[in-house]
Amino acid sequence: MQDNIIFVGTKPVMNYCLAVVTQFNSGADEVIIKARGKSIVRAVDTAEIVTRQFLSDVVKKNVSISTDSVETDEGTTNVSSIEIILGH
């Protein structure tokens, strides 16, 4: 697993912003923000806050959306996912 991937979950948005900024300050050229389901909102907020407030030289290089099939107790469910690539 790559170190420059941030998986967004249920923590506050600022935790993920700090993780992204830390990756860039550690020398990463690109940071990938990934989220599924209800966490997509938090991932988009993270990307926007980082690029607008913390690191103005970082841009959104690519945004990919998809649907993942997830096995649950009730069977297979489709869950939306997003991948946002930030870089210099």
PDB file of N, CA and C in Angstrom:
ATOM      1  N   MET A   1       0.837  -1.185   0.000  1.00  0.00           N
ATOM      2  CA  MET A   1       0.000   0.000   0.000  1.00  0.00           C
ATOM      3  C   MET A   1       0.880   1.245   0.000  1.00  0.00           C
ATOM      4  N   GLN A   2       0.471   2.227  -0.775  1.00  0.00           N
ATOM      5  CA  GLN A   2       1.249   3.449  -0.877  1.00  0.00           C
ATOM      6  C   GLN A   2       0.992   4.352   0.325  1.00  0.00           C
ATOM      7  N   ASP A   3       2.027   5.107   0.697  1.00  0.00           N
ATOM      8  CA  ASP A   3       1.899   6.021   1.825  1.00  0.00           C
ATOM      9  C   ASP A   3       1.102   7.271   1.480  1.00  0.00           C
ATOM     10  N   ASN A   4       1.019   7.601   0.183  1.00  0.00           N
ATOM     11  CA  ASN A   4       0.389   8.858  -0.193  1.00  0.00           C
ATOM     12  C   ASN A   4      -1.109   8.722  -0.461  1.00  0.00           C
ATOM     13  N   ILE A   5      -1.730   7.656   0.019  1.00  0.00           N
ATOM     14  CA  ILE A   5      -3.175   7.485  -0.120  1.00  0.00           C
ATOM     15  C   ILE A   5      -3.837   7.768   1.227  1.00  0.00           C
ATOM     16  N   ILE A   6      -4.819   8.655   1.211  1.00  0.00           N
ATOM     17  CA  ILE A   6      -5.577   8.994   2.409  1.00  0.00           C
ATOM     18  C   ILE A   6      -6.977   8.407   2.237  1.00  0.00           C
ATOM     19  N   PHE A   7      -7.364   7.477   3.106  1.00  0.00           N
ATOM     20  CA  PHE A   7      -8.697   6.895   3.077  1.00  0.00           C
ATOM     21  C   PHE A   7      -9.585   7.694   4.018  1.00  0.00           C
ATOM     22  N   VAL A   8     -10.617   8.314   3.481  1.00  0.00           N
ATOM     23  CA  VAL A   8     -11.500   9.164   4.270  1.00  0.00           C
ATOM     24  C   VAL A   8     -12.629   8.325   4.851  1.00  0.00           C
ATOM     25  N   GLY A   9     -12.872   8.527   6.149  1.00  0.00           N
ATOM     26  CA  GLY A   9     -13.927   7.805   6.853  1.00  0.00           C
ATOM     27  C   GLY A   9     -14.807   8.756   7.627  1.00  0.00           C
ATOM     28  N   THR A  10     -14.956   8.494   8.918  1.00  0.00           N
ATOM     29  CA  THR A  10     -15.915   9.251   9.737  1.00  0.00           C
ATOM     30  C   THR A  10     -15.277  10.286  10.655  1.00  0.00           C
ATOM     31  N   LYS A  11     -13.973  10.434  10.604  1.00  0.00           N
ATOM     32  CA  LYS A  11     -13.312  11.428  11.449  1.00  0.00           C
ATOM     33  C   LYS A  11     -13.628  12.841  10.942  1.00  0.00           C
ATOM     34  N   PRO A  12     -13.344  13.866  11.756  1.00  0.00           N
ATOM     35  CA  PRO A  12     -13.562  15.248  11.292  1.00  0.00           C
ATOM     36  C   PRO A  12     -12.691  15.578  10.072  1.00  0.00           C
ATOM     37  N   VAL A  13     -13.187  16.474   9.232  1.00  0.00           N
ATOM     38  CA  VAL A  13     -12.513  16.842   7.985  1.00  0.00           C
ATOM     39  C   VAL A  13     -11.092  17.342   8.234  1.00  0.00           C
ATOM     40  N   MET A  14     -10.895  18.088   9.288  1.00  0.00           N
ATOM     41  CA  MET A  14      -9.571  18.671   9.545  1.00  0.00           C
ATOM     42  C   MET A  14      -8.515  17.590   9.802  1.00  0.00           C
ATOM     43  N   ASN A  15      -8.902  16.434  10.306  1.00  0.00           N
ATOM     44  CA  ASN A  15      -7.950  15.327  10.486  1.00  0.00           C
ATOM     45  C   ASN A  15      -7.391  14.893   9.129  1.00  0.00           C
ATOM     46  N   TYR A  16      -8.251  14.813   8.130  1.00  0.00           N
ATOM     47  CA  TYR A  16      -7.821  14.408   6.792  1.00  0.00           C
ATOM     48  C   TYR A  16      -7.022  15.514   6.115  1.00  0.00           C
ATOM     49  N   CYS A  17      -7.396  16.765   6.356  1.00  0.00           N
ATOM     50  CA  CYS A  17      -6.629  17.896   5.812  1.00  0.00           C
ATOM     51  C   CYS A  17      -5.204  17.861   6.360  1.00  0.00           C
ATOM     52  N   LEU A  18      -5.064  17.625   7.652  1.00  0.00           N
ATOM     53  CA  LEU A  18      -3.748  17.533   8.278  1.00  0.00           C
ATOM     54  C   LEU A  18      -2.945  16.396   7.678  1.00  0.00           C
ATOM     55  N   ALA A  19      -3.588  15.262   7.420  1.00  0.00           N
ATOM     56  CA  ALA A  19      -2.897  14.117   6.826  1.00  0.00           C
ATOM     57  C   ALA A  19      -2.388  14.451   5.427  1.00  0.00           C
ATOM     58  N   VAL A  20      -3.192  15.149   4.631  1.00  0.00           N
ATOM     59  CA  VAL A  20      -2.780  15.535   3.273  1.00  0.00           C
ATOM     60  C   VAL A  20      -1.615  16.521   3.331  1.00  0.00           C
ATOM     61  N   VAL A  21      -1.729  17.540   4.170  1.00  0.00           N
ATOM     62  CA  VAL A  21      -0.660  18.540   4.297  1.00  0.00           C
ATOM     63  C   VAL A  21       0.631  17.882   4.780  1.00  0.00           C
ATOM     64  N   THR A  22       0.526  16.955   5.711  1.00  0.00           N
ATOM     65  CA  THR A  22       1.704  16.231   6.211  1.00  0.00           C
ATOM     66  C   THR A  22       2.380  15.448   5.096  1.00  0.00           C
ATOM     67  N   GLN A  23       1.592  14.797   4.249  1.00  0.00           N
ATOM     68  CA  GLN A  23       2.163  14.050   3.122  1.00  0.00           C
ATOM     69  C   GLN A  23       2.941  14.970   2.183  1.00  0.00           C
ATOM     70  N   PHE A  24       2.369  16.117   1.852  1.00  0.00           N
ATOM     71  CA  PHE A  24       3.067  17.056   0.971  1.00  0.00           C
ATOM     72  C   PHE A  24       4.317  17.624   1.636  1.00  0.00           C
ATOM     73  N   ASN A  25       4.238  17.926   2.925  1.00  0.00           N
ATOM     74  CA  ASN A  25       5.407  18.452   3.641  1.00  0.00           C
ATOM     75  C   ASN A  25       6.503  17.409   3.791  1.00  0.00           C
ATOM     76  N   SER A  26       6.143  16.118   3.692  1.00  0.00           N
ATOM     77  CA  SER A  26       7.132  15.040   3.771  1.00  0.00           C
ATOM     78  C   SER A  26       7.784  14.764   2.417  1.00  0.00           C
ATOM     79  N   GLY A  27       7.385  15.507   1.392  1.00  0.00           N
ATOM     80  CA  GLY A  27       8.023  15.374   0.092  1.00  0.00           C
ATOM     81  C   GLY A  27       7.218  14.663  -0.973  1.00  0.00           C
ATOM     82  N   ALA A  28       5.979  14.331  -0.703  1.00  0.00           N
ATOM     83  CA  ALA A  28       5.154  13.644  -1.706  1.00  0.00           C
ATOM     84  C   ALA A  28       4.817  14.604  -2.851  1.00  0.00           C
ATOM     85  N   ASP A  29       4.894  14.100  -4.084  1.00  0.00           N
ATOM     86  CA  ASP A  29       4.524  14.901  -5.253  1.00  0.00           C
ATOM     87  C   ASP A  29       3.020  14.848  -5.499  1.00  0.00           C
ATOM     88  N   GLU A  30       2.414  13.730  -5.106  1.00  0.00           N
ATOM     89  CA  GLU A  30       0.984  13.520  -5.280  1.00  0.00           C
ATOM     90  C   GLU A  30       0.398  12.896  -4.026  1.00  0.00           C
ATOM     91  N   VAL A  31      -0.840  13.255  -3.733  1.00  0.00           N
ATOM     92  CA  VAL A  31      -1.575  12.624  -2.640  1.00  0.00           C
ATOM     93  C   VAL A  31      -2.935  12.227  -3.196  1.00  0.00           C
ATOM     94  N   ILE A  32      -3.353  11.007  -2.903  1.00  0.00           N
ATOM     95  CA  ILE A  32      -4.621  10.481  -3.387  1.00  0.00           C
ATOM     96  C   ILE A  32      -5.593  10.405  -2.219  1.00  0.00           C
ATOM     97  N   ILE A  33      -6.750  11.023  -2.384  1.00  0.00           N
ATOM     98  CA  ILE A  33      -7.806  10.991  -1.376  1.00  0.00           C
ATOM     99  C   ILE A  33      -8.878  10.041  -1.886  1.00  0.00           C
ATOM    100  N   LYS A  34      -9.194   9.004  -1.090  1.00  0.00           N
ATOM    101  CA  LYS A  34     -10.202   8.018  -1.497  1.00  0.00           C
ATOM    102  C   LYS A  34     -11.307   7.958  -0.462  1.00  0.00           C
ATOM    103  N   ALA A  35     -12.545   7.770  -0.946  1.00  0.00           N
ATOM    104  CA  ALA A  35     -13.691   7.637  -0.044  1.00  0.00           C
ATOM    105  C   ALA A  35     -14.800   6.858  -0.734  1.00  0.00           C
ATOM    106  N   ARG A  36     -15.674   6.275   0.102  1.00  0.00           N
ATOM    107  CA  ARG A  36     -16.848   5.555  -0.404  1.00  0.00           C
ATOM    108  C   ARG A  36     -18.084   5.994   0.360  1.00  0.00           C
ATOM    109  N   GLY A  37     -19.209   5.929  -0.311  1.00  0.00           N
ATOM    110  CA  GLY A  37     -20.497   6.177   0.332  1.00  0.00           C
ATOM    111  C   GLY A  37     -20.641   7.575   0.907  1.00  0.00           C
ATOM    112  N   LYS A  38     -21.104   7.622   2.148  1.00  0.00           N
ATOM    113  CA  LYS A  38     -21.368   8.907   2.799  1.00  0.00           C
ATOM    114  C   LYS A  38     -20.109   9.710   3.077  1.00  0.00           C
ATOM    115  N   SER A  39     -18.948   9.083   3.016  1.00  0.00           N
ATOM    116  CA  SER A  39     -17.686   9.778   3.269  1.00  0.00           C
ATOM    117  C   SER A  39     -17.205  10.593   2.072  1.00  0.00           C
ATOM    118  N   ILE A  40     -17.882  10.465   0.930  1.00  0.00           N
ATOM    119  CA  ILE A  40     -17.486  11.215  -0.268  1.00  0.00           C
ATOM    120  C   ILE A  40     -17.547  12.715  -0.003  1.00  0.00           C
ATOM    121  N   VAL A  41     -18.564  13.153   0.722  1.00  0.00           N
ATOM    122  CA  VAL A  41     -18.697  14.584   1.048  1.00  0.00           C
ATOM    123  C   VAL A  41     -17.462  15.068   1.808  1.00  0.00           C
ATOM    124  N   ARG A  42     -17.004  14.276   2.762  1.00  0.00           N
ATOM    125  CA  ARG A  42     -15.837  14.636   3.565  1.00  0.00           C
ATOM    126  C   ARG A  42     -14.576  14.672   2.699  1.00  0.00           C
ATOM    127  N   ALA A  43     -14.467  13.779   1.730  1.00  0.00           N
ATOM    128  CA  ALA A  43     -13.296  13.746   0.840  1.00  0.00           C
ATOM    129  C   ALA A  43     -13.246  14.994  -0.038  1.00  0.00           C
ATOM    130  N   VAL A  44     -14.394  15.398  -0.579  1.00  0.00           N
ATOM    131  CA  VAL A  44     -14.447  16.606  -1.403  1.00  0.00           C
ATOM    132  C   VAL A  44     -14.122  17.830  -0.560  1.00  0.00           C
ATOM    133  N   ASP A  45     -14.675  17.900   0.640  1.00  0.00           N
ATOM    134  CA  ASP A  45     -14.374  19.014   1.544  1.00  0.00           C
ATOM    135  C   ASP A  45     -12.878  19.068   1.852  1.00  0.00           C
ATOM    136  N   THR A  46     -12.267  17.918   2.084  1.00  0.00           N
ATOM    137  CA  THR A  46     -10.828  17.848   2.371  1.00  0.00           C
ATOM    138  C   THR A  46     -10.025  18.420   1.218  1.00  0.00           C
ATOM    139  N   ALA A  47     -10.323  17.996  -0.003  1.00  0.00           N
ATOM    140  CA  ALA A  47      -9.598  18.482  -1.178  1.00  0.00           C
ATOM    141  C   ALA A  47      -9.769  19.988  -1.350  1.00  0.00           C
ATOM    142  N   GLU A  48     -10.973  20.481  -1.156  1.00  0.00           N
ATOM    143  CA  GLU A  48     -11.225  21.911  -1.322  1.00  0.00           C
ATOM    144  C   GLU A  48     -10.514  22.740  -0.251  1.00  0.00           C
ATOM    145  N   ILE A  49     -10.564  22.304   0.994  1.00  0.00           N
ATOM    146  CA  ILE A  49      -9.906  23.049   2.078  1.00  0.00           C
ATOM    147  C   ILE A  49      -8.401  23.076   1.874  1.00  0.00           C
ATOM    148  N   VAL A  50      -7.822  21.941   1.508  1.00  0.00           N
ATOM    149  CA  VAL A  50      -6.370  21.876   1.307  1.00  0.00           C
ATOM    150  C   VAL A  50      -5.933  22.795   0.175  1.00  0.00           C
ATOM    151  N   THR A  51      -6.642  22.758  -0.957  1.00  0.00           N
ATOM    152  CA  THR A  51      -6.213  23.556  -2.112  1.00  0.00           C
ATOM    153  C   THR A  51      -6.531  25.036  -1.965  1.00  0.00           C
ATOM    154  N   ARG A  52      -7.560  25.383  -1.222  1.00  0.00           N
ATOM    155  CA  ARG A  52      -7.938  26.801  -1.080  1.00  0.00           C
ATOM    156  C   ARG A  52      -7.278  27.497   0.104  1.00  0.00           C
ATOM    157  N   GLN A  53      -7.080  26.773   1.219  1.00  0.00           N
ATOM    158  CA  GLN A  53      -6.633  27.439   2.437  1.00  0.00           C
ATOM    159  C   GLN A  53      -5.211  27.113   2.855  1.00  0.00           C
ATOM    160  N   PHE A  54      -4.781  25.871   2.667  1.00  0.00           N
ATOM    161  CA  PHE A  54      -3.484  25.470   3.207  1.00  0.00           C
ATOM    162  C   PHE A  54      -2.363  25.461   2.188  1.00  0.00           C
ATOM    163  N   LEU A  55      -2.572  24.857   1.038  1.00  0.00           N
ATOM    164  CA  LEU A  55      -1.518  24.707   0.037  1.00  0.00           C
ATOM    165  C   LEU A  55      -2.020  25.255  -1.293  1.00  0.00           C
ATOM    166  N   SER A  56      -1.807  26.539  -1.523  1.00  0.00           N
ATOM    167  CA  SER A  56      -2.336  27.173  -2.732  1.00  0.00           C
ATOM    168  C   SER A  56      -1.630  26.710  -4.005  1.00  0.00           C
ATOM    169  N   ASP A  57      -0.441  26.109  -3.879  1.00  0.00           N
ATOM    170  CA  ASP A  57       0.270  25.620  -5.069  1.00  0.00           C
ATOM    171  C   ASP A  57      -0.156  24.211  -5.464  1.00  0.00           C
ATOM    172  N   VAL A  58      -1.015  23.579  -4.684  1.00  0.00           N
ATOM    173  CA  VAL A  58      -1.498  22.232  -4.974  1.00  0.00           C
ATOM    174  C   VAL A  58      -2.806  22.351  -5.757  1.00  0.00           C
ATOM    175  N   VAL A  59      -2.938  21.513  -6.800  1.00  0.00           N
ATOM    176  CA  VAL A  59      -4.132  21.530  -7.636  1.00  0.00           C
ATOM    177  C   VAL A  59      -4.733  20.125  -7.703  1.00  0.00           C
ATOM    178  N   LYS A  60      -5.997  20.089  -8.102  1.00  0.00           N
ATOM    179  CA  LYS A  60      -6.651  18.801  -8.335  1.00  0.00           C
ATOM    180  C   LYS A  60      -6.233  18.328  -9.718  1.00  0.00           C
ATOM    181  N   LYS A  61      -5.489  17.235  -9.780  1.00  0.00           N
ATOM    182  CA  LYS A  61      -5.019  16.707 -11.055  1.00  0.00           C
ATOM    183  C   LYS A  61      -6.067  15.836 -11.729  1.00  0.00           C
ATOM    184  N   ASN A  62      -6.795  15.064 -10.945  1.00  0.00           N
ATOM    185  CA  ASN A  62      -7.781  14.140 -11.511  1.00  0.00           C
ATOM    186  C   ASN A  62      -8.820  13.790 -10.448  1.00  0.00           C
ATOM    187  N   VAL A  63     -10.046  13.610 -10.889  1.00  0.00           N
ATOM    188  CA  VAL A  63     -11.120  13.148 -10.013  1.00  0.00           C
ATOM    189  C   VAL A  63     -11.802  11.985 -10.725  1.00  0.00           C
ATOM    190  N   SER A  64     -11.854  10.832 -10.062  1.00  0.00           N
ATOM    191  CA  SER A  64     -12.485   9.646 -10.639  1.00  0.00           C
ATOM    192  C   SER A  64     -13.622   9.194  -9.740  1.00  0.00           C
ATOM    193  N   ILE A  65     -14.739   8.830 -10.362  1.00  0.00           N
ATOM    194  CA  ILE A  65     -15.856   8.277  -9.602  1.00  0.00           C
ATOM    195  C   ILE A  65     -16.165   6.892 -10.145  1.00  0.00           C
ATOM    196  N   SER A  66     -16.669   6.037  -9.271  1.00  0.00           N
ATOM    197  CA  SER A  66     -17.023   4.682  -9.686  1.00  0.00           C
ATOM    198  C   SER A  66     -18.013   4.092  -8.694  1.00  0.00           C
ATOM    199  N   THR A  67     -18.449   2.887  -8.996  1.00  0.00           N
ATOM    200  CA  THR A  67     -19.340   2.149  -8.112  1.00  0.00           C
ATOM    201  C   THR A  67     -18.681   0.826  -7.761  1.00  0.00           C
ATOM    202  N   ASP A  68     -18.584   0.534  -6.468  1.00  0.00           N
ATOM    203  CA  ASP A  68     -17.993  -0.711  -5.993  1.00  0.00           C
ATOM    204  C   ASP A  68     -19.098  -1.628  -5.489  1.00  0.00           C
ATOM    205  N   SER A  69     -18.954  -2.924  -5.749  1.00  0.00           N
ATOM    206  CA  SER A  69     -19.876  -3.910  -5.194  1.00  0.00           C
ATOM    207  C   SER A  69     -19.312  -4.389  -3.861  1.00  0.00           C
ATOM    208  N   VAL A  70     -20.126  -4.299  -2.824  1.00  0.00           N
ATOM    209  CA  VAL A  70     -19.692  -4.655  -1.477  1.00  0.00           C
ATOM    210  C   VAL A  70     -20.607  -5.752  -0.938  1.00  0.00           C
ATOM    211  N   GLU A  71     -19.989  -6.798  -0.371  1.00  0.00           N
ATOM    212  CA  GLU A  71     -20.757  -7.879   0.244  1.00  0.00           C
ATOM    213  C   GLU A  71     -21.168  -7.473   1.660  1.00  0.00           C
ATOM    214  N   THR A  72     -22.464  -7.560   1.941  1.00  0.00           N
ATOM    215  CA  THR A  72     -22.986  -7.282   3.279  1.00  0.00           C
ATOM    216  C   THR A  72     -23.746  -8.506   3.767  1.00  0.00           C
ATOM    217  N   ASP A  73     -24.297  -8.427   4.972  1.00  0.00           N
ATOM    218  CA  ASP A  73     -25.086  -9.526   5.519  1.00  0.00           C
ATOM    219  C   ASP A  73     -26.355  -9.782   4.696  1.00  0.00           C
ATOM    220  N   GLU A  74     -26.873  -8.722   4.075  1.00  0.00           N
ATOM    221  CA  GLU A  74     -28.097  -8.837   3.280  1.00  0.00           C
ATOM    222  C   GLU A  74     -27.825  -9.171   1.818  1.00  0.00           C
ATOM    223  N   GLY A  75     -26.550  -9.300   1.430  1.00  0.00           N
ATOM    224  CA  GLY A  75     -26.207  -9.603   0.038  1.00  0.00           C
ATOM    225  C   GLY A  75     -25.258  -8.563  -0.532  1.00  0.00           C
ATOM    226  N   THR A  76     -25.235  -8.461  -1.839  1.00  0.00           N
ATOM    227  CA  THR A  76     -24.342  -7.515  -2.508  1.00  0.00           C
ATOM    228  C   THR A  76     -25.011  -6.157  -2.638  1.00  0.00           C
ATOM    229  N   THR A  77     -24.261  -5.101  -2.300  1.00  0.00           N
ATOM    230  CA  THR A  77     -24.747  -3.731  -2.391  1.00  0.00           C
ATOM    231  C   THR A  77     -23.762  -2.910  -3.210  1.00  0.00           C
ATOM    232  N   ASN A  78     -24.293  -1.979  -4.000  1.00  0.00           N
ATOM    233  CA  ASN A  78     -23.440  -1.070  -4.748  1.00  0.00           C
ATOM    234  C   ASN A  78     -23.183   0.182  -3.921  1.00  0.00           C
ATOM    235  N   VAL A  79     -21.918   0.592  -3.851  1.00  0.00           N
ATOM    236  CA  VAL A  79     -21.523   1.768  -3.086  1.00  0.00           C
ATOM    237  C   VAL A  79     -20.715   2.689  -4.006  1.00  0.00           C
ATOM    238  N   SER A  80     -21.070   3.957  -4.033  1.00  0.00           N
ATOM    239  CA  SER A  80     -20.327   4.933  -4.834  1.00  0.00           C
ATOM    240  C   SER A  80     -18.971   5.191  -4.207  1.00  0.00           C
ATOM    241  N   SER A  81     -17.973   5.487  -5.048  1.00  0.00           N
ATOM    242  CA  SER A  81     -16.652   5.817  -4.529  1.00  0.00           C
ATOM    243  C   SER A  81     -16.041   6.948  -5.352  1.00  0.00           C
ATOM    244  N   ILE A  82     -15.083   7.636  -4.747  1.00  0.00           N
ATOM    245  CA  ILE A  82     -14.404   8.744  -5.406  1.00  0.00           C
ATOM    246  C   ILE A  82     -12.914   8.658  -5.103  1.00  0.00           C
ATOM    247  N   GLU A  83     -12.112   9.102  -6.059  1.00  0.00           N
ATOM    248  CA  GLU A  83     -10.661   9.184  -5.894  1.00  0.00           C
ATOM    249  C   GLU A  83     -10.240  10.551  -6.414  1.00  0.00           C
ATOM    250  N   ILE A  84      -9.647  11.358  -5.554  1.00  0.00           N
ATOM    251  CA  ILE A  84      -9.196  12.700  -5.915  1.00  0.00           C
ATOM    252  C   ILE A  84      -7.675  12.722  -5.828  1.00  0.00           C
ATOM    253  N   ILE A  85      -7.026  13.055  -6.928  1.00  0.00           N
ATOM    254  CA  ILE A  85      -5.559  13.122  -6.949  1.00  0.00           C
ATOM    255  C   ILE A  85      -5.135  14.573  -6.893  1.00  0.00           C
ATOM    256  N   LEU A  86      -4.398  14.919  -5.848  1.00  0.00           N
ATOM    257  CA  LEU A  86      -3.857  16.266  -5.681  1.00  0.00           C
ATOM    258  C   LEU A  86      -2.362  16.237  -5.977  1.00  0.00           C
ATOM    259  N   GLY A  87      -1.861  17.296  -6.581  1.00  0.00           N
ATOM    260  CA  GLY A  87      -0.438  17.361  -6.887  1.00  0.00           C
ATOM    261  C   GLY A  87       0.006  18.777  -7.185  1.00  0.00           C
ATOM    262  N   HIS A  88       1.316  18.928  -7.405  1.00  0.00           N
ATOM    263  CA  HIS A  88       1.900  20.235  -7.713  1.00  0.00           C
ATOM    264  C   HIS A  88       1.820  20.510  -9.193  1.00  0.00           C
TER     265      HIS A  88
END
